[in-house]
Amino acid sequence: MIKLYGGARSRASIVKWYLEELQAPYEFQLLDMSAGEHLQPDFLAINPFGKVPAIADGDFQLWESGAILLYLAEKFGEVKTIEEKAIASQWVLFANSTLGTGLFVAESREKESPRLLSGLNKVLENQTYITGENFTVSDVAVATILGYAIMMLKMSYADYPAVDAYIKRISDRPAYQKAILGVS
């Protein structure tokens, strides 16, 4: 069984959401970050940087939310071909670096947000999810960043109707509500 390590309010919720979507068995190991549990030797043996999330899948250990998402997509058979892996990687990397930076770095937000959200709006105008009509790991990566921007920055997507409809669809998913919003 996969053991997911995370803090109470950490990016571990991204991995938790995907595990819930996959209906994969996992155990969540809550680390008390304020008490420094993430800096103890046992956890540093998993991630030497003392950051969460991290997973242990048997003897295999992995950290970084994007890497974990891609690992899970492959482990649970969502991506099968090299092309599917490349597309998943493209969107996970886009979410974690380009979109996250564009929305959350104050110095670039005014310039980058409209460009990124316009592009996402175009992608979502003719399809239900990021890569088409099926929900995938790409949606977990992108929608998490979009959702975090609403929660933390009070961002609105009213000027981007396809993005706005997309995030509303995503937020209705039971696994999203459980892992990201904390709704039981």
N, C-alpha and C. Protein backbone atom coordinates (compact mmCIF):
# COMPACT_ATOMS: atom_id res chain seq x y z
N MET A 1 0.84 -1.18 0.00
CA MET A 1 0.00 0.00 0.00
C MET A 1 0.89 1.25 0.00
N ILE A 2 0.46 2.25 -0.72
CA ILE A 2 1.20 3.51 -0.80
C ILE A 2 1.01 4.28 0.49
N LYS A 3 2.12 4.81 0.99
CA LYS A 3 2.09 5.68 2.16
C LYS A 3 2.41 7.09 1.67
N LEU A 4 1.48 8.00 1.89
CA LEU A 4 1.62 9.40 1.48
C LEU A 4 1.93 10.25 2.70
N TYR A 5 3.04 10.96 2.64
CA TYR A 5 3.45 11.85 3.72
C TYR A 5 3.09 13.28 3.36
N GLY A 6 2.49 13.98 4.31
CA GLY A 6 2.16 15.38 4.06
C GLY A 6 1.84 16.13 5.32
N GLY A 7 1.77 17.43 5.18
CA GLY A 7 1.36 18.30 6.27
C GLY A 7 -0.12 18.59 6.17
N ALA A 8 -0.65 19.23 7.19
CA ALA A 8 -2.08 19.52 7.23
C ALA A 8 -2.51 20.39 6.05
N ARG A 9 -1.72 21.38 5.71
CA ARG A 9 -2.04 22.26 4.58
C ARG A 9 -0.82 22.27 3.68
N SER A 10 -0.73 21.24 2.86
CA SER A 10 0.45 21.09 2.01
C SER A 10 0.05 20.59 0.63
N ARG A 11 1.02 20.54 -0.26
CA ARG A 11 0.78 20.03 -1.61
C ARG A 11 0.50 18.53 -1.62
N ALA A 12 0.58 17.90 -0.48
CA ALA A 12 0.21 16.48 -0.40
C ALA A 12 -1.26 16.29 -0.79
N SER A 13 -2.07 17.35 -0.63
CA SER A 13 -3.49 17.25 -1.01
C SER A 13 -3.65 16.98 -2.49
N ILE A 14 -2.70 17.42 -3.31
CA ILE A 14 -2.74 17.17 -4.75
C ILE A 14 -2.65 15.66 -5.00
N VAL A 15 -1.68 15.03 -4.36
CA VAL A 15 -1.48 13.59 -4.51
C VAL A 15 -2.65 12.83 -3.90
N LYS A 16 -3.12 13.31 -2.78
CA LYS A 16 -4.28 12.68 -2.12
C LYS A 16 -5.49 12.71 -3.05
N TRP A 17 -5.71 13.84 -3.72
CA TRP A 17 -6.82 13.95 -4.65
C TRP A 17 -6.70 12.90 -5.76
N TYR A 18 -5.52 12.77 -6.34
CA TYR A 18 -5.35 11.81 -7.42
C TYR A 18 -5.54 10.37 -6.93
N LEU A 19 -5.01 10.07 -5.76
CA LEU A 19 -5.20 8.73 -5.19
C LEU A 19 -6.69 8.45 -4.97
N GLU A 20 -7.42 9.45 -4.52
CA GLU A 20 -8.87 9.30 -4.34
C GLU A 20 -9.56 9.08 -5.69
N GLU A 21 -9.17 9.83 -6.71
CA GLU A 21 -9.75 9.65 -8.04
C GLU A 21 -9.49 8.24 -8.56
N LEU A 22 -8.28 7.75 -8.33
CA LEU A 22 -7.90 6.41 -8.78
C LEU A 22 -8.53 5.31 -7.93
N GLN A 23 -9.09 5.69 -6.80
CA GLN A 23 -9.60 4.73 -5.82
C GLN A 23 -8.52 3.74 -5.42
N ALA A 24 -7.32 4.28 -5.30
CA ALA A 24 -6.15 3.46 -4.93
C ALA A 24 -6.03 3.41 -3.41
N PRO A 25 -5.69 2.25 -2.89
CA PRO A 25 -5.49 2.18 -1.43
C PRO A 25 -4.23 2.94 -1.03
N TYR A 26 -4.35 3.73 0.01
CA TYR A 26 -3.20 4.48 0.50
C TYR A 26 -3.40 4.78 1.98
N GLU A 27 -2.29 5.09 2.60
CA GLU A 27 -2.31 5.51 4.00
C GLU A 27 -1.71 6.91 4.03
N PHE A 28 -2.40 7.83 4.68
CA PHE A 28 -1.90 9.19 4.80
C PHE A 28 -1.17 9.34 6.12
N GLN A 29 0.09 9.72 6.04
CA GLN A 29 0.91 9.95 7.23
C GLN A 29 1.03 11.45 7.43
N LEU A 30 0.24 11.97 8.35
CA LEU A 30 0.25 13.40 8.64
C LEU A 30 1.48 13.74 9.46
N LEU A 31 2.29 14.64 8.94
CA LEU A 31 3.47 15.11 9.65
C LEU A 31 3.15 16.45 10.29
N ASP A 32 3.52 16.61 11.53
CA ASP A 32 3.35 17.88 12.22
C ASP A 32 4.52 18.78 11.83
N MET A 33 4.28 19.60 10.83
CA MET A 33 5.34 20.45 10.28
C MET A 33 5.79 21.49 11.31
N SER A 34 4.85 22.00 12.10
CA SER A 34 5.22 23.02 13.09
C SER A 34 6.13 22.43 14.18
N ALA A 35 6.02 21.13 14.40
CA ALA A 35 6.88 20.46 15.38
C ALA A 35 8.17 19.93 14.73
N GLY A 36 8.30 20.12 13.41
CA GLY A 36 9.51 19.71 12.71
C GLY A 36 9.61 18.23 12.39
N GLU A 37 8.47 17.53 12.34
CA GLU A 37 8.51 16.10 12.01
C GLU A 37 9.10 15.84 10.63
N HIS A 38 8.96 16.79 9.72
CA HIS A 38 9.50 16.65 8.37
C HIS A 38 11.02 16.81 8.34
N LEU A 39 11.59 17.20 9.45
CA LEU A 39 13.05 17.40 9.52
C LEU A 39 13.73 16.32 10.36
N GLN A 40 12.98 15.30 10.74
CA GLN A 40 13.52 14.21 11.53
C GLN A 40 14.21 13.20 10.61
N PRO A 41 15.20 12.46 11.12
CA PRO A 41 15.97 11.52 10.30
C PRO A 41 15.12 10.52 9.51
N ASP A 42 14.03 10.01 10.09
CA ASP A 42 13.20 9.04 9.38
C ASP A 42 12.62 9.63 8.10
N PHE A 43 12.13 10.87 8.19
CA PHE A 43 11.56 11.48 6.98
C PHE A 43 12.65 11.98 6.04
N LEU A 44 13.73 12.49 6.58
CA LEU A 44 14.84 12.95 5.73
C LEU A 44 15.45 11.81 4.92
N ALA A 45 15.27 10.58 5.39
CA ALA A 45 15.73 9.42 4.62
C ALA A 45 14.86 9.22 3.36
N ILE A 46 13.64 9.74 3.39
CA ILE A 46 12.74 9.67 2.23
C ILE A 46 12.95 10.88 1.33
N ASN A 47 12.97 12.07 1.92
CA ASN A 47 13.24 13.29 1.17
C ASN A 47 14.30 14.09 1.92
N PRO A 48 15.52 14.11 1.41
CA PRO A 48 16.61 14.78 2.12
C PRO A 48 16.42 16.29 2.25
N PHE A 49 15.42 16.85 1.55
CA PHE A 49 15.16 18.28 1.63
C PHE A 49 14.09 18.60 2.67
N GLY A 50 13.48 17.56 3.24
CA GLY A 50 12.50 17.76 4.29
C GLY A 50 11.21 18.41 3.81
N LYS A 51 10.85 18.17 2.55
CA LYS A 51 9.64 18.77 1.98
C LYS A 51 8.60 17.68 1.74
N VAL A 52 7.34 18.08 1.76
CA VAL A 52 6.25 17.18 1.43
C VAL A 52 5.56 17.72 0.18
N PRO A 53 4.91 16.84 -0.59
CA PRO A 53 4.63 15.44 -0.30
C PRO A 53 5.79 14.52 -0.67
N ALA A 54 5.65 13.32 -0.14
CA ALA A 54 6.53 12.22 -0.50
C ALA A 54 5.71 10.95 -0.36
N ILE A 55 6.12 9.92 -1.08
CA ILE A 55 5.43 8.63 -0.94
C ILE A 55 6.46 7.53 -0.72
N ALA A 56 5.96 6.47 -0.12
CA ALA A 56 6.69 5.21 -0.05
C ALA A 56 5.73 4.16 -0.60
N ASP A 57 6.17 3.48 -1.63
CA ASP A 57 5.38 2.41 -2.25
C ASP A 57 6.23 1.16 -2.13
N GLY A 58 6.05 0.43 -1.04
CA GLY A 58 6.96 -0.66 -0.73
C GLY A 58 8.31 -0.05 -0.41
N ASP A 59 9.34 -0.53 -1.10
CA ASP A 59 10.69 0.00 -0.90
C ASP A 59 10.99 1.23 -1.75
N PHE A 60 10.08 1.54 -2.67
CA PHE A 60 10.28 2.67 -3.57
C PHE A 60 9.82 3.96 -2.90
N GLN A 61 10.67 4.98 -2.95
CA GLN A 61 10.34 6.27 -2.35
C GLN A 61 10.47 7.36 -3.40
N LEU A 62 9.57 8.35 -3.32
CA LEU A 62 9.55 9.42 -4.32
C LEU A 62 9.01 10.69 -3.68
N TRP A 63 9.58 11.82 -4.07
CA TRP A 63 9.08 13.11 -3.60
C TRP A 63 8.91 14.03 -4.80
N GLU A 64 8.27 15.15 -4.58
CA GLU A 64 7.85 16.15 -5.58
C GLU A 64 6.48 15.75 -6.13
N SER A 65 5.52 16.62 -5.94
CA SER A 65 4.13 16.30 -6.31
C SER A 65 3.99 15.91 -7.77
N GLY A 66 4.64 16.63 -8.68
CA GLY A 66 4.52 16.31 -10.10
C GLY A 66 5.07 14.95 -10.44
N ALA A 67 6.23 14.62 -9.88
CA ALA A 67 6.83 13.30 -10.12
C ALA A 67 5.93 12.20 -9.57
N ILE A 68 5.35 12.45 -8.42
CA ILE A 68 4.46 11.45 -7.81
C ILE A 68 3.22 11.26 -8.67
N LEU A 69 2.64 12.36 -9.16
CA LEU A 69 1.46 12.23 -10.04
C LEU A 69 1.78 11.40 -11.27
N LEU A 70 2.91 11.67 -11.90
CA LEU A 70 3.28 10.93 -13.11
C LEU A 70 3.54 9.46 -12.81
N TYR A 71 4.17 9.19 -11.69
CA TYR A 71 4.40 7.81 -11.26
C TYR A 71 3.07 7.08 -11.08
N LEU A 72 2.14 7.72 -10.39
CA LEU A 72 0.84 7.09 -10.15
C LEU A 72 0.06 6.88 -11.44
N ALA A 73 0.15 7.84 -12.37
CA ALA A 73 -0.54 7.69 -13.66
C ALA A 73 -0.04 6.46 -14.39
N GLU A 74 1.24 6.23 -14.31
CA GLU A 74 1.80 5.05 -14.98
C GLU A 74 1.50 3.77 -14.18
N LYS A 75 1.68 3.84 -12.88
CA LYS A 75 1.45 2.65 -12.04
C LYS A 75 0.02 2.12 -12.18
N PHE A 76 -0.94 3.04 -12.23
CA PHE A 76 -2.33 2.63 -12.27
C PHE A 76 -2.91 2.60 -13.68
N GLY A 77 -2.04 2.68 -14.69
CA GLY A 77 -2.44 2.43 -16.07
C GLY A 77 -3.17 3.54 -16.78
N GLU A 78 -3.12 4.76 -16.26
CA GLU A 78 -3.78 5.84 -16.98
C GLU A 78 -3.02 6.18 -18.25
N VAL A 79 -1.70 6.17 -18.18
CA VAL A 79 -0.88 6.43 -19.37
C VAL A 79 -0.22 5.12 -19.79
N LYS A 80 -0.35 4.83 -21.08
CA LYS A 80 0.17 3.55 -21.57
C LYS A 80 1.21 3.72 -22.67
N THR A 81 1.01 4.73 -23.50
CA THR A 81 1.93 4.92 -24.63
C THR A 81 2.93 6.02 -24.30
N ILE A 82 3.99 6.08 -25.06
CA ILE A 82 4.98 7.14 -24.87
C ILE A 82 4.35 8.51 -25.13
N GLU A 83 3.41 8.57 -26.06
CA GLU A 83 2.74 9.83 -26.36
C GLU A 83 1.86 10.27 -25.18
N GLU A 84 1.12 9.33 -24.60
CA GLU A 84 0.30 9.67 -23.43
C GLU A 84 1.17 10.13 -22.26
N LYS A 85 2.30 9.48 -22.07
CA LYS A 85 3.23 9.90 -21.01
C LYS A 85 3.75 11.30 -21.27
N ALA A 86 4.07 11.59 -22.53
CA ALA A 86 4.59 12.91 -22.87
C ALA A 86 3.54 13.99 -22.64
N ILE A 87 2.31 13.73 -23.03
CA ILE A 87 1.23 14.72 -22.83
C ILE A 87 1.00 14.94 -21.35
N ALA A 88 0.95 13.87 -20.57
CA ALA A 88 0.78 14.00 -19.11
C ALA A 88 1.93 14.81 -18.51
N SER A 89 3.14 14.50 -18.92
CA SER A 89 4.31 15.24 -18.43
C SER A 89 4.22 16.72 -18.81
N GLN A 90 3.82 16.99 -20.03
CA GLN A 90 3.68 18.37 -20.50
C GLN A 90 2.77 19.16 -19.57
N TRP A 91 1.58 18.61 -19.27
CA TRP A 91 0.61 19.35 -18.47
C TRP A 91 1.00 19.42 -17.00
N VAL A 92 1.58 18.37 -16.46
CA VAL A 92 2.02 18.40 -15.05
C VAL A 92 3.14 19.43 -14.88
N LEU A 93 4.09 19.43 -15.82
CA LEU A 93 5.18 20.41 -15.75
C LEU A 93 4.66 21.83 -15.98
N PHE A 94 3.73 21.99 -16.90
CA PHE A 94 3.11 23.30 -17.14
C PHE A 94 2.45 23.81 -15.86
N ALA A 95 1.68 22.95 -15.21
CA ALA A 95 0.97 23.35 -13.99
C ALA A 95 1.95 23.76 -12.90
N ASN A 96 2.94 22.90 -12.66
CA ASN A 96 3.85 23.14 -11.54
C ASN A 96 4.83 24.28 -11.77
N SER A 97 5.18 24.55 -13.01
CA SER A 97 6.15 25.62 -13.23
C SER A 97 5.51 26.84 -13.90
N THR A 98 5.02 26.70 -15.09
CA THR A 98 4.51 27.84 -15.85
C THR A 98 3.26 28.45 -15.22
N LEU A 99 2.23 27.63 -15.01
CA LEU A 99 0.97 28.14 -14.47
C LEU A 99 1.13 28.60 -13.02
N GLY A 100 1.78 27.78 -12.21
CA GLY A 100 1.98 28.14 -10.81
C GLY A 100 2.74 29.44 -10.66
N THR A 101 3.81 29.57 -11.42
CA THR A 101 4.62 30.80 -11.37
C THR A 101 3.83 31.98 -11.91
N GLY A 102 3.15 31.78 -13.02
CA GLY A 102 2.38 32.86 -13.63
C GLY A 102 1.28 33.41 -12.75
N LEU A 103 0.63 32.53 -11.98
CA LEU A 103 -0.46 32.99 -11.13
C LEU A 103 0.00 33.44 -9.75
N PHE A 104 1.05 32.83 -9.23
CA PHE A 104 1.42 33.08 -7.83
C PHE A 104 2.59 34.03 -7.61
N VAL A 105 3.40 34.29 -8.60
CA VAL A 105 4.51 35.24 -8.42
C VAL A 105 3.96 36.64 -8.70
N ALA A 106 3.90 37.45 -7.66
CA ALA A 106 3.26 38.77 -7.76
C ALA A 106 3.85 39.64 -8.87
N GLU A 107 5.17 39.58 -9.05
CA GLU A 107 5.82 40.43 -10.04
C GLU A 107 5.40 40.12 -11.47
N SER A 108 5.00 38.88 -11.73
CA SER A 108 4.64 38.51 -13.11
C SER A 108 3.14 38.25 -13.29
N ARG A 109 2.39 38.28 -12.22
CA ARG A 109 0.97 37.91 -12.29
C ARG A 109 0.18 38.75 -13.27
N GLU A 110 0.35 40.06 -13.24
CA GLU A 110 -0.45 40.94 -14.09
C GLU A 110 -0.23 40.66 -15.57
N LYS A 111 1.00 40.35 -15.94
CA LYS A 111 1.33 40.07 -17.34
C LYS A 111 1.00 38.62 -17.72
N GLU A 112 1.36 37.69 -16.87
CA GLU A 112 1.26 36.27 -17.22
C GLU A 112 -0.15 35.69 -17.07
N SER A 113 -0.88 36.09 -16.05
CA SER A 113 -2.20 35.49 -15.82
C SER A 113 -3.13 35.59 -17.03
N PRO A 114 -3.30 36.77 -17.63
CA PRO A 114 -4.20 36.83 -18.79
C PRO A 114 -3.74 35.95 -19.96
N ARG A 115 -2.44 35.90 -20.18
CA ARG A 115 -1.92 35.08 -21.28
C ARG A 115 -2.17 33.60 -21.01
N LEU A 116 -1.88 33.16 -19.79
CA LEU A 116 -2.06 31.74 -19.45
C LEU A 116 -3.53 31.36 -19.40
N LEU A 117 -4.34 32.19 -18.78
CA LEU A 117 -5.76 31.88 -18.67
C LEU A 117 -6.47 31.94 -20.02
N SER A 118 -6.05 32.85 -20.89
CA SER A 118 -6.61 32.89 -22.25
C SER A 118 -6.29 31.60 -23.00
N GLY A 119 -5.06 31.13 -22.88
CA GLY A 119 -4.67 29.88 -23.52
C GLY A 119 -5.45 28.70 -22.98
N LEU A 120 -5.59 28.63 -21.67
CA LEU A 120 -6.38 27.54 -21.07
C LEU A 120 -7.84 27.64 -21.49
N ASN A 121 -8.35 28.85 -21.57
CA ASN A 121 -9.74 29.03 -21.99
C ASN A 121 -9.94 28.49 -23.40
N LYS A 122 -8.98 28.77 -24.27
CA LYS A 122 -9.04 28.27 -25.66
C LYS A 122 -9.04 26.74 -25.68
N VAL A 123 -8.16 26.13 -24.87
CA VAL A 123 -8.09 24.67 -24.79
C VAL A 123 -9.43 24.09 -24.34
N LEU A 124 -10.04 24.74 -23.36
CA LEU A 124 -11.25 24.19 -22.73
C LEU A 124 -12.55 24.60 -23.43
N GLU A 125 -12.47 25.44 -24.44
CA GLU A 125 -13.69 25.86 -25.14
C GLU A 125 -14.38 24.70 -25.86
N ASN A 126 -13.60 23.74 -26.32
CA ASN A 126 -14.17 22.66 -27.12
C ASN A 126 -14.00 21.28 -26.51
N GLN A 127 -13.61 21.22 -25.25
CA GLN A 127 -13.47 19.93 -24.60
C GLN A 127 -13.73 20.08 -23.11
N THR A 128 -14.12 18.99 -22.49
CA THR A 128 -14.53 18.99 -21.09
C THR A 128 -13.34 19.07 -20.14
N TYR A 129 -12.26 18.39 -20.50
CA TYR A 129 -11.09 18.33 -19.63
C TYR A 129 -9.84 18.77 -20.40
N ILE A 130 -8.74 18.88 -19.71
CA ILE A 130 -7.50 19.41 -20.28
C ILE A 130 -7.05 18.65 -21.53
N THR A 131 -7.15 17.33 -21.51
CA THR A 131 -6.66 16.57 -22.68
C THR A 131 -7.79 15.99 -23.52
N GLY A 132 -9.03 16.36 -23.26
CA GLY A 132 -10.13 15.85 -24.06
C GLY A 132 -11.39 15.66 -23.23
N GLU A 133 -12.05 14.55 -23.45
CA GLU A 133 -13.32 14.30 -22.77
C GLU A 133 -13.19 13.45 -21.52
N ASN A 134 -11.99 12.97 -21.23
CA ASN A 134 -11.78 12.15 -20.04
C ASN A 134 -10.91 12.88 -19.03
N PHE A 135 -11.28 12.74 -17.77
CA PHE A 135 -10.51 13.29 -16.66
C PHE A 135 -9.20 12.51 -16.55
N THR A 136 -8.07 13.23 -16.40
CA THR A 136 -6.76 12.59 -16.31
C THR A 136 -5.90 13.27 -15.25
N VAL A 137 -4.71 12.73 -15.09
CA VAL A 137 -3.72 13.31 -14.18
C VAL A 137 -3.43 14.77 -14.56
N SER A 138 -3.54 15.11 -15.83
CA SER A 138 -3.33 16.49 -16.27
C SER A 138 -4.32 17.43 -15.60
N ASP A 139 -5.55 16.97 -15.41
CA ASP A 139 -6.56 17.79 -14.74
C ASP A 139 -6.22 17.98 -13.26
N VAL A 140 -5.71 16.94 -12.63
CA VAL A 140 -5.32 17.07 -11.23
C VAL A 140 -4.27 18.17 -11.10
N ALA A 141 -3.27 18.13 -11.94
CA ALA A 141 -2.18 19.11 -11.86
C ALA A 141 -2.67 20.53 -12.14
N VAL A 142 -3.37 20.72 -13.25
CA VAL A 142 -3.80 22.06 -13.65
C VAL A 142 -4.89 22.60 -12.73
N ALA A 143 -5.90 21.80 -12.46
CA ALA A 143 -7.02 22.28 -11.65
C ALA A 143 -6.61 22.60 -10.22
N THR A 144 -5.62 21.89 -9.70
CA THR A 144 -5.17 22.20 -8.36
C THR A 144 -4.61 23.62 -8.30
N ILE A 145 -3.77 23.97 -9.26
CA ILE A 145 -3.20 25.32 -9.28
C ILE A 145 -4.31 26.35 -9.45
N LEU A 146 -5.25 26.10 -10.34
CA LEU A 146 -6.37 27.02 -10.53
C LEU A 146 -7.19 27.15 -9.25
N GLY A 147 -7.43 26.04 -8.59
CA GLY A 147 -8.20 26.05 -7.34
C GLY A 147 -7.46 26.76 -6.22
N TYR A 148 -6.17 26.51 -6.12
CA TYR A 148 -5.36 27.20 -5.10
C TYR A 148 -5.39 28.71 -5.33
N ALA A 149 -5.38 29.14 -6.59
CA ALA A 149 -5.42 30.58 -6.89
C ALA A 149 -6.74 31.20 -6.42
N ILE A 150 -7.82 30.45 -6.52
CA ILE A 150 -9.10 30.95 -6.01
C ILE A 150 -9.03 31.06 -4.49
N MET A 151 -8.54 29.99 -3.84
CA MET A 151 -8.50 29.97 -2.38
C MET A 151 -7.53 30.98 -1.79
N MET A 152 -6.34 31.07 -2.35
CA MET A 152 -5.29 31.88 -1.74
C MET A 152 -5.23 33.31 -2.26
N LEU A 153 -5.55 33.50 -3.53
CA LEU A 153 -5.44 34.84 -4.14
C LEU A 153 -6.80 35.47 -4.40
N LYS A 154 -7.86 34.72 -4.11
CA LYS A 154 -9.24 35.17 -4.41
C LYS A 154 -9.40 35.49 -5.89
N MET A 155 -8.71 34.70 -6.72
CA MET A 155 -8.74 34.90 -8.17
C MET A 155 -10.12 34.51 -8.71
N SER A 156 -10.56 35.24 -9.70
CA SER A 156 -11.81 34.95 -10.38
C SER A 156 -11.49 34.60 -11.84
N TYR A 157 -12.28 33.67 -12.37
CA TYR A 157 -12.11 33.28 -13.77
C TYR A 157 -13.31 33.74 -14.61
N ALA A 158 -14.03 34.73 -14.11
CA ALA A 158 -15.22 35.22 -14.79
C ALA A 158 -14.93 35.69 -16.22
N ASP A 159 -13.74 36.22 -16.46
CA ASP A 159 -13.37 36.68 -17.81
C ASP A 159 -12.96 35.54 -18.73
N TYR A 160 -12.92 34.34 -18.20
CA TYR A 160 -12.51 33.15 -18.96
C TYR A 160 -13.58 32.08 -18.74
N PRO A 161 -14.69 32.18 -19.47
CA PRO A 161 -15.85 31.33 -19.20
C PRO A 161 -15.59 29.83 -19.27
N ALA A 162 -14.74 29.39 -20.18
CA ALA A 162 -14.46 27.95 -20.26
C ALA A 162 -13.64 27.49 -19.06
N VAL A 163 -12.71 28.32 -18.60
CA VAL A 163 -11.94 27.99 -17.40
C VAL A 163 -12.85 28.01 -16.19
N ASP A 164 -13.72 29.00 -16.11
CA ASP A 164 -14.66 29.11 -14.99
C ASP A 164 -15.57 27.88 -14.92
N ALA A 165 -16.11 27.46 -16.06
CA ALA A 165 -16.97 26.27 -16.09
C ALA A 165 -16.18 25.02 -15.73
N TYR A 166 -14.95 24.96 -16.20
CA TYR A 166 -14.07 23.82 -15.90
C TYR A 166 -13.82 23.69 -14.40
N ILE A 167 -13.44 24.77 -13.76
CA ILE A 167 -13.12 24.69 -12.34
C ILE A 167 -14.38 24.39 -11.52
N LYS A 168 -15.52 24.83 -11.98
CA LYS A 168 -16.78 24.48 -11.30
C LYS A 168 -17.06 22.99 -11.46
N ARG A 169 -16.83 22.43 -12.65
CA ARG A 169 -16.99 20.98 -12.86
C ARG A 169 -16.05 20.20 -11.96
N ILE A 170 -14.80 20.65 -11.91
CA ILE A 170 -13.80 19.96 -11.11
C ILE A 170 -14.17 20.01 -9.64
N SER A 171 -14.61 21.17 -9.17
CA SER A 171 -14.90 21.31 -7.74
C SER A 171 -16.13 20.51 -7.30
N ASP A 172 -16.91 20.03 -8.26
CA ASP A 172 -18.04 19.14 -7.94
C ASP A 172 -17.61 17.68 -7.79
N ARG A 173 -16.41 17.35 -8.15
CA ARG A 173 -15.93 15.96 -8.05
C ARG A 173 -15.75 15.59 -6.58
N PRO A 174 -16.32 14.47 -6.15
CA PRO A 174 -16.21 14.06 -4.74
C PRO A 174 -14.76 13.94 -4.25
N ALA A 175 -13.87 13.42 -5.07
CA ALA A 175 -12.47 13.26 -4.65
C ALA A 175 -11.81 14.63 -4.44
N TYR A 176 -12.14 15.61 -5.28
CA TYR A 176 -11.62 16.97 -5.12
C TYR A 176 -12.14 17.57 -3.81
N GLN A 177 -13.43 17.41 -3.59
CA GLN A 177 -14.02 17.97 -2.37
C GLN A 177 -13.38 17.37 -1.13
N LYS A 178 -13.12 16.09 -1.16
CA LYS A 178 -12.52 15.41 -0.01
C LYS A 178 -11.07 15.84 0.20
N ALA A 179 -10.27 15.78 -0.84
CA ALA A 179 -8.82 16.00 -0.69
C ALA A 179 -8.41 17.47 -0.67
N ILE A 180 -9.04 18.27 -1.51
CA ILE A 180 -8.63 19.67 -1.62
C ILE A 180 -9.44 20.58 -0.70
N LEU A 181 -10.74 20.37 -0.67
CA LEU A 181 -11.60 21.24 0.13
C LEU A 181 -11.81 20.72 1.55
N GLY A 182 -11.44 19.47 1.80
CA GLY A 182 -11.59 18.91 3.13
C GLY A 182 -13.02 18.57 3.52
N VAL A 183 -13.88 18.37 2.50
CA VAL A 183 -15.28 18.02 2.76
C VAL A 183 -15.37 16.50 2.90
N SER A 184 -15.97 16.05 3.96
CA SER A 184 -16.09 14.59 4.18
C SER A 184 -17.24 13.99 3.43
